[in-house]
Protein backbone atom coordinates (compact mmCIF):
# COMPACT_ATOMS: atom_id res chain seq x y z
CA MET A 1 -6.03 -14.05 7.07
CA THR A 2 -7.99 -13.82 3.80
CA LEU A 3 -10.82 -11.67 2.55
CA LYS A 4 -14.19 -13.44 2.68
CA THR A 5 -14.67 -14.73 -0.86
CA ASP A 6 -18.47 -14.96 -0.44
CA LEU A 7 -18.86 -11.21 0.09
CA VAL A 8 -19.34 -10.68 -3.64
CA SER A 9 -21.79 -12.62 -5.79
CA PRO A 10 -20.22 -15.04 -8.28
CA ASP A 11 -22.12 -13.13 -10.97
CA ALA A 12 -20.97 -9.64 -10.07
CA THR A 13 -22.53 -8.27 -13.26
CA ALA A 14 -26.06 -9.22 -12.21
CA PRO A 15 -27.94 -6.35 -10.49
CA GLN A 16 -27.95 -8.08 -7.10
CA GLY A 17 -24.28 -9.03 -7.40
CA ARG A 18 -23.32 -5.54 -8.50
CA ILE A 19 -25.11 -3.92 -5.57
CA ARG A 20 -23.47 -6.39 -3.19
CA ARG A 21 -20.05 -5.62 -4.62
CA GLU A 22 -20.61 -1.87 -4.49
CA ASN A 23 -21.79 -2.02 -0.90
CA VAL A 24 -18.78 -4.08 0.17
CA GLU A 25 -16.41 -1.67 -1.54
CA ARG A 26 -18.18 1.28 0.03
CA ILE A 27 -17.98 -0.26 3.50
CA LEU A 28 -14.30 -1.18 3.08
CA LYS A 29 -13.42 2.35 1.94
CA ALA A 30 -15.28 3.95 4.86
CA ALA A 31 -13.81 1.49 7.34
CA GLU A 32 -10.30 2.19 6.06
CA ALA A 33 -10.79 5.91 6.74
CA VAL A 34 -12.25 5.37 10.23
CA PHE A 35 -9.64 2.79 11.26
CA ALA A 36 -6.85 5.09 10.01
CA GLU A 37 -8.12 7.85 12.28
CA ALA A 38 -9.27 5.93 15.37
CA GLY A 39 -7.57 2.56 15.15
CA CYS A 40 -9.45 -0.70 15.60
CA ALA A 41 -10.02 -0.12 19.31
CA GLY A 42 -11.41 3.41 18.90
CA ALA A 43 -13.53 2.81 15.80
CA THR A 44 -17.17 1.78 16.04
CA MET A 45 -19.50 0.16 13.53
CA ALA A 46 -21.77 3.18 13.91
CA ASP A 47 -18.89 5.50 12.90
CA ILE A 48 -18.15 3.36 9.86
CA ALA A 49 -21.82 3.12 8.86
CA ASP A 50 -22.10 6.90 9.09
CA LYS A 51 -18.99 7.33 6.98
CA ALA A 52 -20.31 4.87 4.39
CA GLY A 53 -23.75 6.47 4.37
CA LEU A 54 -25.35 3.07 5.03
CA PRO A 55 -27.49 1.70 7.84
CA LYS A 56 -25.47 -0.04 10.56
CA ALA A 57 -27.47 -3.22 9.87
CA ASN A 58 -25.90 -3.33 6.37
CA LEU A 59 -22.42 -3.51 7.88
CA HIS A 60 -23.41 -6.41 10.07
CA TYR A 61 -24.99 -8.16 7.08
CA TYR A 62 -21.67 -8.28 5.27
CA PHE A 63 -19.36 -8.31 8.26
CA GLY A 64 -20.55 -9.87 11.49
CA THR A 65 -18.26 -7.92 13.82
CA LYS A 66 -15.96 -4.92 13.82
CA GLU A 67 -12.97 -7.25 14.15
CA GLU A 68 -14.04 -9.18 11.05
CA LEU A 69 -14.36 -5.92 9.10
CA TYR A 70 -10.95 -4.78 10.38
CA ARG A 71 -9.34 -7.99 9.17
CA ALA A 72 -11.02 -7.55 5.78
CA VAL A 73 -9.60 -4.00 5.53
CA LEU A 74 -6.12 -5.31 6.37
CA ASP A 75 -6.45 -8.08 3.83
CA ASN A 76 -7.54 -5.60 1.20
CA ILE A 77 -4.52 -3.42 1.95
CA LEU A 78 -2.10 -6.37 1.78
CA ARG A 79 -3.50 -7.41 -1.59
CA LEU A 80 -2.97 -3.86 -2.87
CA TRP A 81 0.64 -3.79 -1.73
CA LEU A 82 1.81 -7.28 -2.51
CA ALA A 83 0.56 -7.70 -6.05
CA PRO A 84 3.17 -5.35 -7.60
CA ILE A 85 6.08 -7.31 -6.18
CA ASP A 86 5.28 -10.08 -8.59
CA ALA A 87 7.23 -7.98 -11.18
CA LEU A 88 10.49 -9.00 -9.47
CA THR A 89 11.27 -12.19 -11.40
CA PRO A 90 14.62 -13.80 -12.32
CA ASP A 91 14.26 -13.02 -16.02
CA ALA A 92 13.20 -9.39 -15.51
CA ASP A 93 15.54 -6.46 -16.11
CA PRO A 94 16.41 -5.26 -12.57
CA ALA A 95 16.14 -1.52 -13.36
CA THR A 96 12.81 -1.96 -15.18
CA ALA A 97 11.31 -4.26 -12.53
CA LEU A 98 12.40 -2.14 -9.59
CA THR A 99 11.27 1.08 -11.29
CA ALA A 100 7.81 -0.44 -11.86
CA TYR A 101 7.60 -1.74 -8.28
CA ILE A 102 8.76 1.48 -6.61
CA THR A 103 6.55 3.65 -8.83
CA THR A 104 3.50 1.51 -8.02
CA LYS A 105 4.30 1.71 -4.29
CA MET A 106 4.63 5.50 -4.49
CA GLU A 107 1.35 5.76 -6.36
CA ALA A 108 -0.30 3.70 -3.60
CA SER A 109 1.07 6.19 -1.06
CA ARG A 110 -0.41 9.02 -3.07
CA THR A 111 -3.86 7.52 -3.64
CA ARG A 112 -4.25 5.19 -0.63
CA ALA A 113 -2.48 6.99 2.21
CA LEU A 114 -5.17 5.92 4.67
CA ALA A 115 -4.52 2.27 3.84
CA SER A 116 -0.85 2.73 4.76
CA LYS A 117 -1.82 4.37 8.04
CA VAL A 118 -4.11 1.47 8.97
CA PHE A 119 -1.30 -0.99 8.34
CA ALA A 120 1.23 1.16 10.20
CA ASN A 121 -1.08 1.43 13.23
CA GLU A 122 -1.53 -2.35 13.28
CA ILE A 123 2.21 -2.90 13.24
CA LEU A 124 2.80 -0.25 15.93
CA HIS A 125 0.31 -2.08 18.13
CA GLY A 126 2.07 -5.43 17.76
CA GLY A 127 0.54 -6.75 14.56
CA ALA A 128 -1.63 -9.30 16.40
CA GLN A 129 -4.26 -9.40 13.65
CA ILE A 130 -1.66 -10.27 10.98
CA GLU A 131 0.97 -12.05 13.05
CA ARG A 132 0.57 -15.34 11.18
CA PHE A 133 0.67 -13.58 7.82
CA LEU A 134 3.86 -11.67 8.78
CA SER A 135 5.69 -14.68 10.13
CA GLU A 136 4.60 -17.17 7.41
CA ASP A 137 3.18 -15.77 4.19
CA LEU A 138 5.16 -12.52 4.09
CA ARG A 139 8.32 -14.24 5.23
CA ARG A 140 8.06 -16.78 2.40
CA LEU A 141 7.38 -13.99 -0.11
CA VAL A 142 10.36 -11.94 1.06
CA ASP A 143 12.57 -15.04 0.93
CA ALA A 144 11.47 -15.68 -2.66
CA LYS A 145 12.04 -12.08 -3.80
CA ALA A 146 15.34 -11.85 -1.91
CA ALA A 147 16.43 -14.90 -3.88
CA VAL A 148 15.59 -13.08 -7.11
CA ILE A 149 17.64 -10.05 -6.05
CA ASP A 150 20.52 -12.31 -4.98
CA GLY A 151 20.38 -13.92 -8.40
CA TRP A 152 20.61 -10.53 -10.13
CA VAL A 153 23.63 -9.71 -7.94
CA ALA A 154 25.29 -13.07 -8.67
CA GLU A 155 24.84 -12.47 -12.43
CA GLY A 156 26.44 -9.03 -12.13
CA ARG A 157 23.20 -7.31 -13.14
CA MET A 158 23.16 -5.08 -10.06
CA ALA A 159 25.49 -4.08 -7.27
CA PRO A 160 25.75 -6.28 -4.16
CA VAL A 161 23.08 -5.52 -1.53
CA ASP A 162 21.56 -7.30 1.47
CA ALA A 163 18.38 -8.26 -0.40
CA ARG A 164 16.05 -8.34 2.59
CA GLN A 165 17.32 -5.00 3.93
CA PHE A 166 17.02 -3.61 0.40
CA LEU A 167 13.31 -4.54 0.34
CA PHE A 168 12.77 -3.11 3.83
CA MET A 169 14.30 0.17 2.71
CA ILE A 170 12.06 0.32 -0.33
CA TRP A 171 9.02 -0.20 1.91
CA ALA A 172 10.25 2.36 4.41
CA VAL A 173 10.90 5.08 1.84
CA THR A 174 7.80 4.60 -0.25
CA GLN A 175 5.40 4.31 2.68
CA HIS A 176 6.95 7.33 4.44
CA TYR A 177 5.05 9.64 2.10
CA ALA A 178 1.73 8.20 3.28
CA ASP A 179 2.47 7.56 6.97
CA PHE A 180 4.28 10.88 7.51
CA ASP A 181 2.44 13.00 4.98
CA VAL A 182 1.78 15.73 7.55
CA GLN A 183 5.48 16.06 8.30
CA VAL A 184 6.38 16.06 4.59
CA ARG A 185 3.79 18.73 3.80
CA LYS A 186 4.76 20.99 6.72
CA VAL A 187 8.45 20.84 5.88
CA LEU A 188 7.81 21.47 2.17
CA GLY A 189 5.32 24.24 2.92
CA ARG A 190 2.45 22.49 1.10
CA ARG A 191 -1.24 22.29 2.02
CA SER A 192 -1.31 19.07 0.00
CA LEU A 193 1.06 17.18 -2.29
CA THR A 194 -0.03 17.44 -5.91
CA ARG A 195 0.28 14.74 -8.55
CA GLN A 196 3.25 16.70 -9.94
CA ASP A 197 4.88 16.80 -6.46
CA PHE A 198 4.59 13.03 -6.27
CA ALA A 199 6.05 12.63 -9.74
CA GLN A 200 9.14 14.57 -8.67
CA ILE A 201 9.39 12.78 -5.33
CA THR A 202 9.03 9.43 -7.04
CA ALA A 203 11.79 10.29 -9.51
CA GLU A 204 14.12 11.23 -6.61
CA VAL A 205 13.26 8.05 -4.70
CA LEU A 206 13.96 6.02 -7.82
CA ARG A 207 17.32 7.70 -8.35
CA LEU A 208 18.46 7.03 -4.76
CA ILE A 209 17.36 3.41 -4.71
CA LEU A 210 18.58 2.52 -8.20
CA ARG A 211 21.92 4.20 -7.56
CA ALA A 212 22.30 2.15 -4.37
CA ALA A 213 21.81 -0.95 -6.55
CA GLY A 214 24.29 0.25 -9.15
CA LEU A 215 21.55 0.72 -11.74
CA PRO A 216 21.01 3.62 -14.17
CA ASP A 217 19.01 6.68 -13.15
CA PRO A 218 15.42 6.91 -14.41
CA ALA A 219 14.27 9.66 -16.76
CA PRO A 220 14.17 13.17 -15.18
CA PRO A 221 10.86 14.27 -13.58
CA PRO A 222 8.62 16.86 -15.23
CA SER A 223 9.32 20.55 -14.48
CA SER A 224 7.38 22.05 -11.57
CA SER A 225 8.10 25.72 -12.44
CA SER A 226 4.39 26.34 -13.05
CA THR A 227 3.20 24.72 -9.84
CA PRO A 228 2.33 27.18 -7.00
CA ALA A 229 4.29 26.60 -3.77
CA ASN A 230 1.11 25.86 -1.86
CA ALA A 231 -0.70 23.83 -4.51
């Protein structure tokens, strides 16, 4: 599955191309929110159009069907998540590369929680829309990055780990704060998690994962003494 490359004009700086790009982004953002709440089956193009503040005809102009729009949303999410893993390369410093990757994943959970929920719902319902991606593209990517981690271990640059399970655990921990944000907030007694909360959580997640890999702890998080309990 791939995002339709003809949705945006080749000259996106031209007025017509800019409007097209802005409309597509607006539709994708609205669709992400509606799909996160209702799932693909429960969402309607009318709901998405209303959320986007656009006529329903505009949605059908860019995306012929709800299913096509849903696949575009999923593709957009996967692009967001997979790009940061490129930092895991054989020549990279393991602690630096993993810190950058985990921090980016946590920031995505903070700023794009709905995207994570859409993906989680798709997986919970069998992943039919991304089955080929999961079994082919993602599998090849995980194999490649697991080989990088195995190389770091073989060179004595990090502690021995099962590389694939290590990646699964990173995904599980970082995405937890988006998929289960209600649980996290209720347990912590927060109406919402602030940027400072996420900075502290990210630092703790980094410590736990880096320690498991035998790598040095990151710098300590900023103090939260001035942050109200229910900020």
